[in-house]
């Protein structure tokens, strides 16, 4: 299911959003609150981790560290959050009052950047991770909005569906589900079970957005290197999925794919013509799917 605790790679993704907002002239996505949410201490520690080669074996210059961030760490989280929030904005515009469920919310700042009061937000995360985030919010003296619900879920002992319903989630209301950065570490069977819980809560017309890696094939060394990096951080990638098996899994749950962005489309949409070295990952796709059919969960 969704990762229990905020991982090192999740913190690196949060760092990337902050770094990109602060330093890039060609912004793919501007998370202007990411640095504040992360905090200077964590920001600096992650920058130092990257500049040391992740294992302390290197002492990279500022320029070389930036090159590593551009090549390995920034492309995936920046493109998927852009895709997700544009799709969310369109969904909210078309449907009025909606619910937005962020699975594995981590350091996500949408709840504080959002200006649309018709979007009711449910942030799902492991209790420890969420407690840590709420403590940060309190220290920053940010106001917790009434339309935002923080839903702690221990995925080893609790079902996401039940915890969402207890938090006031309305299964009759159209909902936008986001589950980013999770599929890389799960088998298709386990990931499908996660999606099944979302389908169980979905009214017709609800939307699901996620990213996933294509099954490892003849990809450039950058893909293998990223897999090695995450493994060294204690998070093993499971090899990815084939589009046909992803689409079959979605169809079996009552979903129809409405937007599919394979790597070449991600490249042309978000990275074409950039002056820096950042480019889309060769094995990462983005999907948006709409719930169109009732499903028997018995």
Foldseek 3Di string as FASTA:
>chain_A
DFDAACAPLNLLLLLLQCCQQPDPPQALDHPPCSDLLCDPVSNVVNLCCQCCVVPNVHRHDPVVSVVCCQQARHQQSSLQVSVQVVVVVVLCVVAPQEEEEEEQCQSPDCQVVDPRPSYQYEYEHAPVRLVVSVVSCVVVVPDRDPSYHYFHDRVVPDDPLVRCVVRPDDLQGAYEYEYEPGQQQDDPVVVLVVVLSVLVSHDAFHKYKYKWFAADDPFDCSVVVNQVVCVVSVGHGDRIYHPVVVQVSQVLSQKDWPDKAAQVNSFVVRPPPDPDPHGTGNTMMITMIGRHDRHDPD
